[in-house]
Amino acid sequence: MNATSVDELRAGAPQPEVSDARLDKVRELLIGDHARETEMRLAALAQRVADLEGLVARQLDQLSSRIEDAARVGESGRRAAFDELARHVAGLAEQIRSLSKS
């Protein structure tokens, strides 16, 4: 018989690898299919997360571009409104001068 004696256990003698192999076989029989299925699901979820990260990054880039475009349009609109206001002020100043001369 190859059983480990109590003295060997107390001394820290290594256990035979045969029991490890048998234990691995039992684990494989009990949870092997479940573990493989879980690993496949995790891989699928990891791929889905990667896809979603890519989608979010593209959408953020598009949104950033739209915001920049809107800012440019807003800036040019403000500039045009300011120029128009300046023309009106200049026109009013001219009218005031002409009224003060009369």
C-alpha atoms as a PDB file:
ATOM      1  CA  MET A   1       0.000   0.000   0.000  1.00  0.00           C
ATOM      2  CA  ASN A   2       1.286   3.486  -0.872  1.00  0.00           C
ATOM      3  CA  ALA A   3      -0.525   5.395   1.881  1.00  0.00           C
ATOM      4  CA  THR A   4       1.399   8.121   3.653  1.00  0.00           C
ATOM      5  CA  SER A   5       2.102   7.404   7.288  1.00  0.00           C
ATOM      6  CA  VAL A   6       1.175   9.796  10.080  1.00  0.00           C
ATOM      7  CA  ASP A   7       4.876  10.461  10.756  1.00  0.00           C
ATOM      8  CA  GLU A   8       5.426  11.364   7.100  1.00  0.00           C
ATOM      9  CA  LEU A   9       2.450  13.728   7.178  1.00  0.00           C
ATOM     10  CA  ARG A  10       3.814  15.427  10.295  1.00  0.00           C
ATOM     11  CA  ALA A  11       7.229  15.737   8.679  1.00  0.00           C
ATOM     12  CA  GLY A  12       5.672  17.421   5.654  1.00  0.00           C
ATOM     13  CA  ALA A  13       6.287  14.637   3.171  1.00  0.00           C
ATOM     14  CA  PRO A  14       4.915  15.436  -0.282  1.00  0.00           C
ATOM     15  CA  GLN A  15       1.667  13.768  -1.257  1.00  0.00           C
ATOM     16  CA  PRO A  16       1.692  11.445  -4.222  1.00  0.00           C
ATOM     17  CA  GLU A  17       0.738  13.140  -7.514  1.00  0.00           C
ATOM     18  CA  VAL A  18      -1.630  10.313  -8.355  1.00  0.00           C
ATOM     19  CA  SER A  19      -4.280  11.737  -6.035  1.00  0.00           C
ATOM     20  CA  ASP A  20      -3.857  15.153  -7.685  1.00  0.00           C
ATOM     21  CA  ALA A  21      -4.461  13.639 -11.109  1.00  0.00           C
ATOM     22  CA  ARG A  22      -7.515  11.772  -9.831  1.00  0.00           C
ATOM     23  CA  LEU A  23      -8.817  14.912  -8.168  1.00  0.00           C
ATOM     24  CA  ASP A  24      -8.357  16.828 -11.421  1.00  0.00           C
ATOM     25  CA  LYS A  25     -10.327  14.143 -13.279  1.00  0.00           C
ATOM     26  CA  VAL A  26     -13.144  14.330 -10.734  1.00  0.00           C
ATOM     27  CA  ARG A  27     -13.197  18.129 -11.009  1.00  0.00           C
ATOM     28  CA  GLU A  28     -13.310  17.879 -14.801  1.00  0.00           C
ATOM     29  CA  LEU A  29     -16.213  15.434 -14.632  1.00  0.00           C
ATOM     30  CA  LEU A  30     -18.127  17.527 -12.113  1.00  0.00           C
ATOM     31  CA  ILE A  31     -17.625  21.069 -13.376  1.00  0.00           C
ATOM     32  CA  GLY A  32     -15.686  20.822 -16.655  1.00  0.00           C
ATOM     33  CA  ASP A  33     -18.637  21.559 -18.940  1.00  0.00           C
ATOM     34  CA  HIS A  34     -19.845  24.374 -16.713  1.00  0.00           C
ATOM     35  CA  ALA A  35     -16.365  25.912 -16.542  1.00  0.00           C
ATOM     36  CA  ARG A  36     -15.951  25.799 -20.337  1.00  0.00           C
ATOM     37  CA  GLU A  37     -19.399  27.293 -20.839  1.00  0.00           C
ATOM     38  CA  THR A  38     -18.609  30.049 -18.343  1.00  0.00           C
ATOM     39  CA  GLU A  39     -15.318  30.787 -20.096  1.00  0.00           C
ATOM     40  CA  MET A  40     -17.124  31.030 -23.455  1.00  0.00           C
ATOM     41  CA  ARG A  41     -19.694  33.393 -21.970  1.00  0.00           C
ATOM     42  CA  LEU A  42     -16.968  35.546 -20.420  1.00  0.00           C
ATOM     43  CA  ALA A  43     -15.129  35.688 -23.752  1.00  0.00           C
ATOM     44  CA  ALA A  44     -18.350  36.710 -25.512  1.00  0.00           C
ATOM     45  CA  LEU A  45     -18.998  39.391 -22.887  1.00  0.00           C
ATOM     46  CA  ALA A  46     -15.435  40.678 -23.192  1.00  0.00           C
ATOM     47  CA  GLN A  47     -15.896  40.960 -26.963  1.00  0.00           C
ATOM     48  CA  ARG A  48     -19.221  42.754 -26.490  1.00  0.00           C
ATOM     49  CA  VAL A  49     -17.602  45.204 -24.059  1.00  0.00           C
ATOM     50  CA  ALA A  50     -14.797  45.849 -26.561  1.00  0.00           C
ATOM     51  CA  ASP A  51     -17.379  46.447 -29.314  1.00  0.00           C
ATOM     52  CA  LEU A  52     -19.325  48.837 -27.102  1.00  0.00           C
ATOM     53  CA  GLU A  53     -16.153  50.716 -26.163  1.00  0.00           C
ATOM     54  CA  GLY A  54     -15.402  51.188 -29.858  1.00  0.00           C
ATOM     55  CA  LEU A  55     -18.949  52.355 -30.534  1.00  0.00           C
ATOM     56  CA  VAL A  56     -18.871  54.819 -27.633  1.00  0.00           C
ATOM     57  CA  ALA A  57     -15.491  56.153 -28.764  1.00  0.00           C
ATOM     58  CA  ARG A  58     -16.809  56.725 -32.309  1.00  0.00           C
ATOM     59  CA  GLN A  59     -19.949  58.406 -30.991  1.00  0.00           C
ATOM     60  CA  LEU A  60     -17.900  60.657 -28.693  1.00  0.00           C
ATOM     61  CA  ASP A  61     -15.705  61.646 -31.636  1.00  0.00           C
ATOM     62  CA  GLN A  62     -18.789  62.480 -33.697  1.00  0.00           C
ATOM     63  CA  LEU A  63     -20.296  64.455 -30.832  1.00  0.00           C
ATOM     64  CA  SER A  64     -17.060  66.345 -30.312  1.00  0.00           C
ATOM     65  CA  SER A  65     -16.954  67.189 -34.002  1.00  0.00           C
ATOM     66  CA  ARG A  66     -20.564  68.421 -33.926  1.00  0.00           C
ATOM     67  CA  ILE A  67     -19.855  70.581 -30.872  1.00  0.00           C
ATOM     68  CA  GLU A  68     -16.819  72.104 -32.584  1.00  0.00           C
ATOM     69  CA  ASP A  69     -18.901  72.797 -35.697  1.00  0.00           C
ATOM     70  CA  ALA A  70     -21.634  74.407 -33.603  1.00  0.00           C
ATOM     71  CA  ALA A  71     -19.038  76.533 -31.804  1.00  0.00           C
ATOM     72  CA  ARG A  72     -17.640  77.727 -35.145  1.00  0.00           C
ATOM     73  CA  VAL A  73     -21.130  78.543 -36.421  1.00  0.00           C
ATOM     74  CA  GLY A  74     -21.933  80.316 -33.156  1.00  0.00           C
ATOM     75  CA  GLU A  75     -18.704  82.307 -33.330  1.00  0.00           C
ATOM     76  CA  SER A  76     -19.308  83.383 -36.917  1.00  0.00           C
ATOM     77  CA  GLY A  77     -22.922  84.257 -36.031  1.00  0.00           C
ATOM     78  CA  ARG A  78     -21.771  86.373 -33.099  1.00  0.00           C
ATOM     79  CA  ARG A  79     -19.202  88.065 -35.288  1.00  0.00           C
ATOM     80  CA  ALA A  80     -21.834  88.827 -37.952  1.00  0.00           C
ATOM     81  CA  ALA A  81     -24.275  90.144 -35.320  1.00  0.00           C
ATOM     82  CA  PHE A  82     -21.552  92.318 -33.795  1.00  0.00           C
ATOM     83  CA  ASP A  83     -20.628  93.698 -37.239  1.00  0.00           C
ATOM     84  CA  GLU A  84     -24.290  94.460 -37.952  1.00  0.00           C
ATOM     85  CA  LEU A  85     -24.660  96.169 -34.586  1.00  0.00           C
ATOM     86  CA  ALA A  86     -21.540  98.225 -35.270  1.00  0.00           C
ATOM     87  CA  ARG A  87     -22.994  99.327 -38.638  1.00  0.00           C
ATOM     88  CA  HIS A  88     -26.238 100.343 -36.956  1.00  0.00           C
ATOM     89  CA  VAL A  89     -24.380 102.292 -34.262  1.00  0.00           C
ATOM     90  CA  ALA A  90     -22.313 104.025 -36.952  1.00  0.00           C
ATOM     91  CA  GLY A  91     -25.530 104.830 -38.844  1.00  0.00           C
ATOM     92  CA  LEU A  92     -27.128 106.239 -35.691  1.00  0.00           C
ATOM     93  CA  ALA A  93     -24.021 108.305 -35.004  1.00  0.00           C
ATOM     94  CA  GLU A  94     -24.198 109.720 -38.525  1.00  0.00           C
ATOM     95  CA  GLN A  95     -27.889 110.546 -38.090  1.00  0.00           C
ATOM     96  CA  ILE A  96     -27.165 112.279 -34.763  1.00  0.00           C
ATOM     97  CA  ARG A  97     -24.399 114.327 -36.388  1.00  0.00           C
ATOM     98  CA  SER A  98     -26.651 115.326 -39.273  1.00  0.00           C
ATOM     99  CA  LEU A  99     -29.453 116.273 -36.872  1.00  0.00           C
ATOM    100  CA  SER A 100     -27.093 118.330 -34.733  1.00  0.00           C
ATOM    101  CA  LYS A 101     -25.923 120.263 -37.857  1.00  0.00           C
ATOM    102  CA  SER A 102     -29.406 121.169 -38.889  1.00  0.00           C
END
